[in-house]
Amino acid sequence: MRYLIGCDFGGGASKAILLREDGVVVAEAESEYATSYPRPGWAEQNPEDSFRAFVENIKKLFHSSEISPEQISAIALDGATHTAVLLDKEDKVIRPAIYWTDLRAVREAEELKESHLDKIVKLSANTPGALWTLPQLMWLQRNEPENFARIHKIMSIKDYVRYRLTGDYVTDSIEACGFMLYDVNGGKWSRELCSLAGIDLAIMPKVVPPEEILSSIKTEICRECGLSEKTKVIAGATDTVMEVYASGAIQPGQATVKLATAGRICAVTEKPLIDGNLVCYPHVCPGLWYPGTATKSCAASFRWYRDVFGAYEKEHYEDAYAKMAADAAQVRAGSDGLFFHPYLQGELTPYQDEMLKGSFTGIRAFHTRAHFNRAVLEGIAYSLKDCFYCFRELGADIKQAGIIGGGAKGELWRQIVADMLGIPLTKAERDDSSLGSAMLAGVACGVFENYEDSVAHCVKAGSVTYPNPDCAAVYEEGFLRYKKLHDALAGVYHS
């Protein structure tokens, strides 16, 4: 029996799964790590934490499954885009990786919009914002010139971990788009875009297809985590495309709604949709794209609320989510006029406004902790409704979608989002990006014939959440108030 490993590096944790060739997940592991916020609006991660989490997860998989390393046919990694790891000539990490929710490069992004917008959109198929690596590198050049001068290699988080495994200095053709230094149409690094950041093309990684088979795992890494040198290492791709793939969305017209650290709605299309409110990437299936809208702080908002206001001990954090949801379920739709705006790190769709801030509004003396619990879930869903309407304005009529991400495990939250969007949401038994990476590994090494075959083997149908018409009507009216509150407060934040 052959096995595959998929490993994801998310906003707060790394998850790995062990997938059997018949599509059954036989083991999984997760290791948390921190995102630090050294200054207001900043967000950074230590790349070493991701590598440590990888090693821990692989050991956990072997411990819980008791299979031999030689049975692992292939492994693939995925991770959050726009989170660049910078190495010097000695392959030492120069500084913490700037996480994609970081806001420090707002000024640089605005400059790019003013002076090079048409060129950037034409080459990258996307609009500049603080989340992209291009403006972040411009910020580093201006504010940390000593660190900037030391840059010898640039790679994503998942590419860094894989570099530690094999020594291959590569990135995949989907991840490359996230740097905003890549000519999407030409399929190569853009000299024009790299020059805007003061980057020499010579230091950029080789770009390969996501299914590319790379070098063998180093002997010392095999000793450290228990893998075999015979296991094939696959290039991999971004976490979002792996989630879309793992949900079974591999045909035009299919869509996903993601409740994770960030929230996203992605639609599978046959061509890129170019719009300032969308982040547009190629799909892992050749010839397709998955343009997406995004709300920056989705599950991150619920996690923040848990940590700051949940009044639960750390050892009971997971139980805290269930307890908060159970309490929230006792409150009727609309939270009796209490609103939450999840702009903890600014907002992307549809405002592209890093100056927005989170808020609770409409608080009255009768509101309880349970009201606040529900208001947080509803506020994030209102933000997703903002995203949903952007697709409608572009002519994409989404009538149903798969719901994915860690937040989708919560029955109440799934129902709130279905009511908010007014469409049925289908949840597969498993839909996380680590499954998508394991499926990709299987396609690359021949365990599965193609992407369609991998979906047929691995994507298991789960539940469908249908919108409640009464609640949907409440949220349709509430959405108008949600928008008015945004409009009223935005000017205050900017001042």
Protein backbone atom coordinates (compact mmCIF):
# COMPACT_ATOMS: atom_id res chain seq x y z
CA MET A 1 0.00 0.00 0.00
CA ARG A 2 1.34 3.41 -1.00
CA TYR A 3 1.03 6.55 1.11
CA LEU A 4 1.33 10.30 0.52
CA ILE A 5 2.01 13.24 2.84
CA GLY A 6 0.60 16.73 2.47
CA CYS A 7 1.79 19.49 4.79
CA ASP A 8 0.36 23.00 5.11
CA PHE A 9 1.83 26.11 6.76
CA GLY A 10 -1.00 28.40 7.82
CA GLY A 11 -1.34 31.58 9.81
CA GLY A 12 -1.10 30.00 13.24
CA ALA A 13 -0.19 26.35 12.75
CA SER A 14 1.19 23.72 10.43
CA LYS A 15 -0.92 20.67 9.63
CA ALA A 16 0.17 17.43 8.00
CA ILE A 17 -1.86 14.41 6.85
CA LEU A 18 -0.98 10.89 5.79
CA LEU A 19 -3.10 9.81 2.82
CA ARG A 20 -3.48 6.21 1.65
CA GLU A 21 -3.65 5.53 -2.09
CA ASP A 22 -7.35 4.64 -1.82
CA GLY A 23 -8.12 8.17 -0.59
CA VAL A 24 -8.35 7.41 3.13
CA VAL A 25 -6.60 9.73 5.59
CA VAL A 26 -4.94 7.42 8.11
CA ALA A 27 -3.20 9.98 10.32
CA GLU A 28 -2.93 13.73 10.87
CA ALA A 29 -0.85 16.05 13.01
CA GLU A 30 -0.81 19.73 13.90
CA SER A 31 1.72 22.03 15.55
CA GLU A 32 1.04 25.65 16.44
CA TYR A 33 3.41 28.60 16.12
CA ALA A 34 3.09 32.28 16.77
CA THR A 35 2.60 35.31 14.57
CA SER A 36 4.17 38.32 16.29
CA TYR A 37 2.94 41.90 16.10
CA PRO A 38 5.99 44.00 17.05
CA ARG A 39 4.33 47.29 16.07
CA PRO A 40 0.77 48.38 15.30
CA GLY A 41 -0.17 47.01 11.88
CA TRP A 42 2.87 44.74 11.63
CA ALA A 43 2.73 40.94 11.47
CA GLU A 44 5.78 38.67 11.32
CA GLN A 45 6.66 34.98 11.57
CA ASN A 46 9.88 33.16 12.41
CA PRO A 47 10.61 30.75 9.51
CA GLU A 48 12.41 28.41 11.90
CA ASP A 49 9.08 27.88 13.69
CA SER A 50 7.61 26.51 10.47
CA PHE A 51 10.48 24.09 9.97
CA ARG A 52 10.25 22.95 13.60
CA ALA A 53 6.50 22.39 13.18
CA PHE A 54 7.16 20.34 10.03
CA VAL A 55 9.59 18.04 11.83
CA GLU A 56 7.20 17.62 14.76
CA ASN A 57 4.29 16.80 12.47
CA ILE A 58 6.19 14.18 10.47
CA LYS A 59 7.26 12.46 13.68
CA LYS A 60 3.65 12.51 14.90
CA LEU A 61 2.43 10.95 11.65
CA PHE A 62 4.84 8.06 11.92
CA HIS A 63 4.10 7.59 15.61
CA SER A 64 0.34 7.41 15.15
CA SER A 65 0.33 5.34 11.95
CA GLU A 66 3.23 2.93 12.59
CA ILE A 67 4.01 2.65 8.87
CA SER A 68 7.56 2.55 7.55
CA PRO A 69 9.20 5.57 5.88
CA GLU A 70 9.71 3.54 2.69
CA GLN A 71 5.93 3.34 2.22
CA ILE A 72 5.71 7.10 1.65
CA SER A 73 5.69 7.59 -2.13
CA ALA A 74 5.74 11.38 -2.17
CA ILE A 75 5.33 14.54 -0.10
CA ALA A 76 4.17 18.03 -1.08
CA LEU A 77 3.99 21.26 0.90
CA ASP A 78 1.78 24.33 0.68
CA GLY A 79 1.60 27.60 2.60
CA ALA A 80 0.35 31.15 2.88
CA THR A 81 1.27 33.33 -0.07
CA HIS A 82 2.99 36.76 0.11
CA THR A 83 5.10 35.72 3.13
CA ALA A 84 8.67 36.03 1.87
CA VAL A 85 11.64 34.44 3.61
CA LEU A 86 14.93 36.25 2.94
CA LEU A 87 18.27 34.43 3.13
CA ASP A 88 21.85 35.73 2.98
CA LYS A 89 24.84 34.16 1.23
CA GLU A 90 25.28 31.67 4.10
CA ASP A 91 21.61 30.64 3.82
CA LYS A 92 20.83 32.29 7.14
CA VAL A 93 17.44 33.92 7.65
CA ILE A 94 18.02 37.69 7.56
CA ARG A 95 14.92 38.79 9.48
CA PRO A 96 11.46 37.48 10.43
CA ALA A 97 9.20 36.90 7.44
CA ILE A 98 6.68 39.69 6.87
CA TYR A 99 3.30 37.96 7.01
CA TRP A 100 0.79 38.84 4.31
CA THR A 101 -1.58 40.68 6.68
CA ASP A 102 1.21 43.16 7.55
CA LEU A 103 0.42 46.81 6.79
CA ARG A 104 3.84 48.48 6.84
CA ALA A 105 4.07 48.78 3.04
CA VAL A 106 0.87 50.82 2.60
CA ARG A 107 2.78 53.88 1.39
CA GLU A 108 4.81 51.86 -1.12
CA ALA A 109 1.69 50.16 -2.46
CA GLU A 110 0.01 53.52 -2.99
CA GLU A 111 3.07 54.82 -4.82
CA LEU A 112 2.97 51.82 -7.13
CA LYS A 113 -0.70 52.43 -7.86
CA GLU A 114 -0.04 56.06 -8.70
CA SER A 115 3.00 55.54 -10.90
CA HIS A 116 2.93 51.99 -12.34
CA LEU A 117 -0.61 50.62 -11.96
CA ASP A 118 -1.25 49.72 -15.60
CA LYS A 119 2.11 48.02 -16.01
CA ILE A 120 1.74 46.01 -12.81
CA VAL A 121 -1.80 44.86 -13.61
CA LYS A 122 -0.77 43.89 -17.15
CA LEU A 123 2.21 41.85 -15.96
CA SER A 124 0.93 40.39 -12.68
CA ALA A 125 -2.87 40.33 -13.23
CA ASN A 126 -3.26 41.97 -9.80
CA THR A 127 -3.46 45.39 -8.14
CA PRO A 128 -0.76 46.55 -5.67
CA GLY A 129 -1.56 46.40 -1.97
CA ALA A 130 0.45 46.11 1.23
CA LEU A 131 0.12 42.30 1.22
CA TRP A 132 2.32 41.78 -1.86
CA THR A 133 6.06 41.09 -1.69
CA LEU A 134 6.93 43.84 -4.20
CA PRO A 135 5.92 46.79 -1.96
CA GLN A 136 7.26 44.96 1.11
CA LEU A 137 10.70 44.75 -0.52
CA MET A 138 10.48 48.45 -1.36
CA TRP A 139 9.78 49.14 2.32
CA LEU A 140 12.79 47.04 3.36
CA GLN A 141 15.08 48.86 0.94
CA ARG A 142 14.06 52.19 2.47
CA ASN A 143 13.81 51.27 6.14
CA GLU A 144 16.25 48.36 6.61
CA PRO A 145 18.93 48.94 3.98
CA GLU A 146 21.46 46.76 5.81
CA ASN A 147 19.11 43.79 5.70
CA PHE A 148 18.08 44.52 2.12
CA ALA A 149 21.69 44.53 0.97
CA ARG A 150 22.19 41.03 2.41
CA ILE A 151 19.37 39.41 0.40
CA HIS A 152 20.73 36.52 -1.64
CA LYS A 153 17.62 34.33 -1.90
CA ILE A 154 13.88 35.08 -1.75
CA MET A 155 11.35 32.33 -1.15
CA SER A 156 7.97 31.63 0.41
CA ILE A 157 7.49 29.88 3.76
CA LYS A 158 6.73 26.50 2.21
CA ASP A 159 9.62 26.91 -0.25
CA TYR A 160 11.95 27.63 2.69
CA VAL A 161 10.95 24.43 4.50
CA ARG A 162 11.34 22.45 1.29
CA TYR A 163 14.72 24.11 0.65
CA ARG A 164 15.80 22.79 4.03
CA LEU A 165 14.67 19.31 2.92
CA THR A 166 16.25 19.09 -0.54
CA GLY A 167 18.40 22.15 -1.20
CA ASP A 168 16.38 22.99 -4.36
CA TYR A 169 16.06 26.76 -4.73
CA VAL A 170 12.75 26.82 -6.60
CA THR A 171 9.20 28.07 -6.33
CA ASP A 172 6.11 26.96 -8.21
CA SER A 173 4.34 28.91 -10.94
CA ILE A 174 1.34 29.69 -8.70
CA GLU A 175 3.37 30.84 -5.70
CA ALA A 176 5.48 33.01 -8.01
CA CYS A 177 2.42 35.15 -8.73
CA GLY A 178 2.22 36.08 -5.04
CA PHE A 179 5.49 38.00 -5.15
CA MET A 180 4.14 40.50 -7.71
CA LEU A 181 7.51 40.15 -9.40
CA TYR A 182 6.34 37.58 -11.96
CA ASP A 183 5.14 38.02 -15.53
CA VAL A 184 2.03 35.84 -15.46
CA ASN A 185 1.54 35.78 -19.23
CA GLY A 186 5.22 35.29 -20.06
CA GLY A 187 5.75 32.65 -17.36
CA LYS A 188 8.96 34.20 -16.03
CA TRP A 189 10.26 36.72 -13.51
CA SER A 190 9.68 40.25 -14.79
CA ARG A 191 12.75 42.43 -15.08
CA GLU A 192 10.51 45.52 -14.93
CA LEU A 193 8.73 44.47 -11.73
CA CYS A 194 11.92 43.29 -10.02
CA SER A 195 13.60 46.60 -10.84
CA LEU A 196 10.82 48.47 -9.00
CA ALA A 197 11.93 46.66 -5.83
CA GLY A 198 15.65 46.97 -6.57
CA ILE A 199 15.94 43.19 -6.98
CA ASP A 200 18.35 41.49 -9.37
CA LEU A 201 16.73 38.72 -11.42
CA ALA A 202 19.74 36.52 -10.67
CA ILE A 203 18.72 36.03 -7.03
CA MET A 204 15.17 34.86 -7.78
CA PRO A 205 14.33 31.13 -7.54
CA LYS A 206 13.75 28.91 -10.55
CA VAL A 207 10.03 28.62 -11.35
CA VAL A 208 8.70 25.09 -11.85
CA PRO A 209 5.23 23.52 -12.23
CA PRO A 210 3.49 22.59 -8.94
CA GLU A 211 3.74 18.88 -9.82
CA GLU A 212 7.52 19.00 -10.47
CA ILE A 213 9.51 16.22 -8.76
CA LEU A 214 12.57 17.69 -7.03
CA SER A 215 15.74 16.32 -5.45
CA SER A 216 15.87 13.66 -2.75
CA ILE A 217 15.55 14.54 0.93
CA LYS A 218 18.89 15.17 2.60
CA THR A 219 20.26 12.38 4.76
CA GLU A 220 20.48 14.54 7.88
CA ILE A 221 16.84 15.63 7.50
CA CYS A 222 15.77 12.01 7.15
CA ARG A 223 17.52 11.25 10.41
CA GLU A 224 15.88 14.22 12.10
CA CYS A 225 12.26 13.52 11.17
CA GLY A 226 12.19 9.89 10.03
CA LEU A 227 11.50 10.31 6.31
CA SER A 228 13.14 8.17 3.63
CA GLU A 229 15.47 9.43 0.91
CA LYS A 230 13.34 7.36 -1.50
CA THR A 231 10.29 9.57 -0.91
CA LYS A 232 9.76 11.95 -3.82
CA VAL A 233 9.47 15.66 -2.97
CA ILE A 234 6.98 17.62 -5.06
CA ALA A 235 7.19 21.38 -5.66
CA GLY A 236 3.70 22.08 -4.23
CA ALA A 237 1.72 25.33 -4.41
CA THR A 238 -0.19 27.89 -2.35
CA ASP A 239 -2.54 26.99 0.47
CA THR A 240 -5.59 28.56 -1.15
CA VAL A 241 -5.34 26.70 -4.44
CA MET A 242 -4.78 23.46 -2.52
CA GLU A 243 -7.96 24.10 -0.53
CA VAL A 244 -9.93 24.84 -3.69
CA TYR A 245 -8.57 21.62 -5.21
CA ALA A 246 -9.24 19.57 -2.06
CA SER A 247 -12.86 20.72 -2.02
CA GLY A 248 -13.30 19.23 -5.49
CA ALA A 249 -13.61 22.61 -7.25
CA ILE A 250 -11.77 21.80 -10.48
CA GLN A 251 -14.39 22.86 -13.04
CA PRO A 252 -15.42 26.35 -14.22
CA GLY A 253 -18.44 27.63 -12.31
CA GLN A 254 -17.54 25.94 -9.04
CA ALA A 255 -16.69 28.09 -6.00
CA THR A 256 -15.45 27.92 -2.42
CA VAL A 257 -16.09 29.95 0.72
CA LYS A 258 -13.18 29.77 3.15
CA LEU A 259 -13.35 30.30 6.91
CA ALA A 260 -9.71 30.28 8.00
CA THR A 261 -7.19 32.81 9.37
CA ALA A 262 -8.34 34.93 6.45
CA GLY A 263 -11.69 34.48 4.73
CA ARG A 264 -11.98 34.07 0.98
CA ILE A 265 -14.52 33.40 -1.71
CA CYS A 266 -12.96 31.91 -4.83
CA ALA A 267 -14.62 31.10 -8.16
CA VAL A 268 -13.06 28.72 -10.69
CA THR A 269 -12.88 30.38 -14.11
CA GLU A 270 -11.41 29.74 -17.55
CA LYS A 271 -9.63 33.10 -17.63
CA PRO A 272 -8.35 35.62 -15.09
CA LEU A 273 -10.81 38.19 -13.74
CA ILE A 274 -8.87 41.44 -13.48
CA ASP A 275 -10.35 43.72 -10.84
CA GLY A 276 -8.96 45.78 -7.98
CA ASN A 277 -11.08 43.81 -5.49
CA LEU A 278 -9.81 40.40 -6.61
CA VAL A 279 -6.60 38.48 -6.08
CA CYS A 280 -6.17 36.33 -9.18
CA TYR A 281 -4.03 33.21 -9.49
CA PRO A 282 -3.78 30.24 -11.86
CA HIS A 283 -5.49 27.04 -10.68
CA VAL A 284 -3.42 23.90 -10.17
CA CYS A 285 -5.44 22.35 -13.03
CA PRO A 286 -3.87 23.68 -16.25
CA GLY A 287 -5.88 26.32 -18.09
CA LEU A 288 -8.04 27.35 -15.11
CA TRP A 289 -7.89 30.27 -12.66
CA TYR A 290 -9.28 30.90 -9.21
CA PRO A 291 -9.89 34.65 -8.77
CA GLY A 292 -10.76 35.38 -5.16
CA THR A 293 -12.07 38.07 -2.87
CA ALA A 294 -10.70 38.24 0.66
CA THR A 295 -11.46 39.45 4.16
CA LYS A 296 -8.24 39.76 6.12
CA SER A 297 -9.32 38.68 9.60
CA CYS A 298 -11.75 35.78 9.53
CA ALA A 299 -10.95 32.99 12.00
CA ALA A 300 -8.17 35.30 13.15
CA SER A 301 -10.90 37.58 14.53
CA PHE A 302 -12.57 34.73 16.40
CA ARG A 303 -9.22 33.59 17.75
CA TRP A 304 -8.41 37.16 18.86
CA TYR A 305 -11.79 37.42 20.56
CA ARG A 306 -11.21 34.07 22.29
CA ASP A 307 -7.78 35.11 23.54
CA VAL A 308 -8.77 38.60 24.73
CA PHE A 309 -12.35 38.21 25.90
CA GLY A 310 -13.05 34.48 26.04
CA ALA A 311 -11.95 34.07 29.68
CA TYR A 312 -10.70 30.52 29.03
CA GLU A 313 -7.44 28.95 30.10
CA LYS A 314 -5.05 28.14 27.28
CA GLU A 315 -5.27 24.39 27.87
CA HIS A 316 -9.00 24.63 27.11
CA TYR A 317 -8.76 26.82 24.02
CA GLU A 318 -10.28 24.28 21.61
CA ASP A 319 -13.16 23.64 24.01
CA ALA A 320 -13.59 27.41 24.18
CA TYR A 321 -14.63 27.60 20.52
CA ALA A 322 -17.38 25.03 21.06
CA LYS A 323 -18.52 26.77 24.25
CA MET A 324 -18.62 30.20 22.58
CA ALA A 325 -20.58 28.80 19.62
CA ALA A 326 -23.04 27.00 21.92
CA ASP A 327 -23.70 30.24 23.79
CA ALA A 328 -24.00 32.20 20.53
CA ALA A 329 -26.60 29.73 19.25
CA GLN A 330 -28.96 30.87 22.03
CA VAL A 331 -29.01 34.40 20.57
CA ARG A 332 -31.31 35.15 17.64
CA ALA A 333 -30.03 36.20 14.22
CA GLY A 334 -28.85 39.81 14.20
CA SER A 335 -27.47 39.69 17.78
CA ASP A 336 -30.19 42.13 18.88
CA GLY A 337 -28.56 45.05 17.09
CA LEU A 338 -24.95 44.39 18.11
CA PHE A 339 -22.47 44.64 15.19
CA PHE A 340 -18.83 43.63 14.83
CA HIS A 341 -16.57 44.79 11.99
CA PRO A 342 -13.57 42.42 11.65
CA TYR A 343 -11.05 44.97 10.41
CA LEU A 344 -8.30 44.05 12.87
CA GLN A 345 -5.64 44.37 10.16
CA GLY A 346 -7.46 46.72 7.81
CA GLU A 347 -9.58 45.19 5.06
CA LEU A 348 -9.20 43.94 1.51
CA THR A 349 -12.43 43.32 -0.44
CA PRO A 350 -14.17 45.57 -1.27
CA TYR A 351 -12.42 48.53 0.38
CA GLN A 352 -8.69 47.85 -0.06
CA ASP A 353 -8.27 50.02 3.01
CA GLU A 354 -5.51 49.29 5.52
CA MET A 355 -6.67 52.16 7.74
CA LEU A 356 -9.96 50.51 8.73
CA LYS A 357 -10.12 49.18 12.29
CA GLY A 358 -12.23 46.62 14.10
CA SER A 359 -15.24 47.69 16.15
CA PHE A 360 -18.23 46.62 18.20
CA THR A 361 -21.15 49.01 17.72
CA GLY A 362 -24.71 49.14 18.99
CA ILE A 363 -23.87 47.90 22.50
CA ARG A 364 -26.73 48.08 25.00
CA ALA A 365 -27.01 47.13 28.67
CA PHE A 366 -28.97 43.93 27.89
CA HIS A 367 -26.24 42.49 25.67
CA THR A 368 -24.49 39.44 27.15
CA ARG A 369 -21.26 37.63 26.40
CA ALA A 370 -23.31 35.32 24.16
CA HIS A 371 -24.41 38.33 22.08
CA PHE A 372 -20.78 39.30 21.55
CA ASN A 373 -19.92 35.70 20.63
CA ARG A 374 -22.56 35.68 17.91
CA ALA A 375 -21.81 39.22 16.74
CA VAL A 376 -18.21 38.21 15.98
CA LEU A 377 -19.36 35.28 13.83
CA GLU A 378 -21.95 37.44 12.09
CA GLY A 379 -19.52 40.32 11.55
CA ILE A 380 -17.10 38.08 9.70
CA ALA A 381 -20.00 36.69 7.65
CA TYR A 382 -21.10 40.26 6.79
CA SER A 383 -17.58 40.87 5.52
CA LEU A 384 -17.86 37.75 3.35
CA LYS A 385 -21.18 39.09 2.03
CA ASP A 386 -19.26 42.18 0.92
CA CYS A 387 -16.92 39.81 -0.94
CA PHE A 388 -19.83 37.86 -2.42
CA TYR A 389 -21.43 40.97 -3.89
CA CYS A 390 -18.18 41.82 -5.69
CA PHE A 391 -18.52 38.66 -7.77
CA ARG A 392 -22.12 39.53 -8.58
CA GLU A 393 -21.07 42.98 -9.76
CA LEU A 394 -18.53 41.31 -12.07
CA GLY A 395 -21.23 39.04 -13.50
CA ALA A 396 -20.21 35.84 -11.71
CA ASP A 397 -23.44 34.27 -10.48
CA ILE A 398 -22.52 31.90 -7.64
CA LYS A 399 -25.54 29.74 -6.81
CA GLN A 400 -23.79 27.30 -4.47
CA ALA A 401 -20.30 26.77 -3.07
CA GLY A 402 -18.14 24.44 -1.05
CA ILE A 403 -17.35 25.72 2.44
CA ILE A 404 -13.80 25.07 3.58
CA GLY A 405 -11.29 25.97 6.29
CA GLY A 406 -11.09 25.29 10.00
CA GLY A 407 -14.02 27.58 10.79
CA ALA A 408 -16.27 25.50 8.54
CA LYS A 409 -16.23 22.75 11.16
CA GLY A 410 -18.59 24.84 13.28
CA GLU A 411 -22.24 24.04 12.48
CA LEU A 412 -23.51 27.42 13.70
CA TRP A 413 -20.96 29.38 11.70
CA ARG A 414 -21.75 27.41 8.54
CA GLN A 415 -25.44 28.20 9.03
CA ILE A 416 -24.77 31.91 9.60
CA VAL A 417 -22.70 32.13 6.42
CA ALA A 418 -25.29 30.22 4.38
CA ASP A 419 -28.02 32.54 5.69
CA MET A 420 -25.83 35.57 5.02
CA LEU A 421 -25.00 34.64 1.41
CA GLY A 422 -28.36 33.07 0.65
CA ILE A 423 -26.86 29.99 -1.06
CA PRO A 424 -26.40 26.32 -0.11
CA LEU A 425 -22.93 25.46 1.20
CA THR A 426 -21.52 21.97 0.74
CA LYS A 427 -18.92 20.68 3.16
CA ALA A 428 -16.76 17.75 2.15
CA GLU A 429 -15.60 15.35 4.85
CA ARG A 430 -12.12 16.85 4.40
CA ASP A 431 -11.14 19.98 2.52
CA ASP A 432 -7.99 21.37 4.10
CA SER A 433 -5.01 22.35 2.02
CA SER A 434 -2.84 19.54 3.39
CA LEU A 435 -5.23 17.09 1.70
CA GLY A 436 -4.84 19.02 -1.55
CA SER A 437 -1.07 18.80 -1.25
CA ALA A 438 -1.23 15.05 -0.64
CA MET A 439 -3.51 14.70 -3.69
CA LEU A 440 -1.05 16.75 -5.77
CA ALA A 441 1.80 14.52 -4.59
CA GLY A 442 -0.23 11.51 -5.72
CA VAL A 443 -0.82 12.98 -9.19
CA ALA A 444 2.86 13.89 -9.55
CA CYS A 445 4.20 10.44 -8.68
CA GLY A 446 1.54 8.40 -10.48
CA VAL A 447 -0.56 7.19 -7.56
CA PHE A 448 -3.50 8.98 -9.25
CA GLU A 449 -3.94 9.20 -13.02
CA ASN A 450 -4.80 12.90 -13.07
CA TYR A 451 -6.50 15.66 -11.05
CA GLU A 452 -9.97 14.31 -11.80
CA ASP A 453 -8.95 10.84 -10.61
CA SER A 454 -7.50 12.27 -7.38
CA VAL A 455 -10.77 14.11 -6.66
CA ALA A 456 -12.78 10.95 -7.35
CA HIS A 457 -10.63 8.99 -4.87
CA CYS A 458 -10.15 11.56 -2.11
CA VAL A 459 -12.99 14.10 -1.99
CA LYS A 460 -15.80 12.61 0.07
CA ALA A 461 -19.24 14.24 0.09
CA GLY A 462 -20.33 15.57 3.46
CA SER A 463 -23.19 17.77 4.61
CA VAL A 464 -25.09 20.56 2.86
CA THR A 465 -26.18 23.67 4.79
CA TYR A 466 -29.20 25.41 3.27
CA PRO A 467 -30.07 29.05 4.06
CA ASN A 468 -32.92 29.74 6.47
CA PRO A 469 -35.19 32.26 4.67
CA ASP A 470 -36.18 34.05 7.90
CA CYS A 471 -32.57 34.53 9.01
CA ALA A 472 -31.52 35.45 5.48
CA ALA A 473 -34.06 38.30 5.54
CA VAL A 474 -32.69 39.53 8.89
CA TYR A 475 -29.15 39.55 7.51
CA GLU A 476 -30.16 41.27 4.27
CA GLU A 477 -31.49 44.17 6.31
CA GLY A 478 -28.59 44.00 8.78
CA PHE A 479 -26.11 44.18 5.91
CA LEU A 480 -27.40 47.64 5.01
CA ARG A 481 -26.70 48.80 8.58
CA TYR A 482 -23.30 47.06 8.53
CA LYS A 483 -22.38 49.03 5.39
CA LYS A 484 -23.63 52.33 6.85
CA LEU A 485 -21.53 51.79 9.97
CA HIS A 486 -18.48 51.20 7.80
CA ASP A 487 -19.17 54.38 5.86
CA ALA A 488 -19.62 56.38 9.06
CA LEU A 489 -16.46 55.14 10.75
CA ALA A 490 -14.04 55.02 7.80
CA GLY A 491 -13.52 58.77 7.84
CA VAL A 492 -12.82 58.70 11.57
CA TYR A 493 -10.13 56.06 11.12
CA HIS A 494 -8.50 57.98 8.29
CA SER A 495 -8.38 61.14 10.39
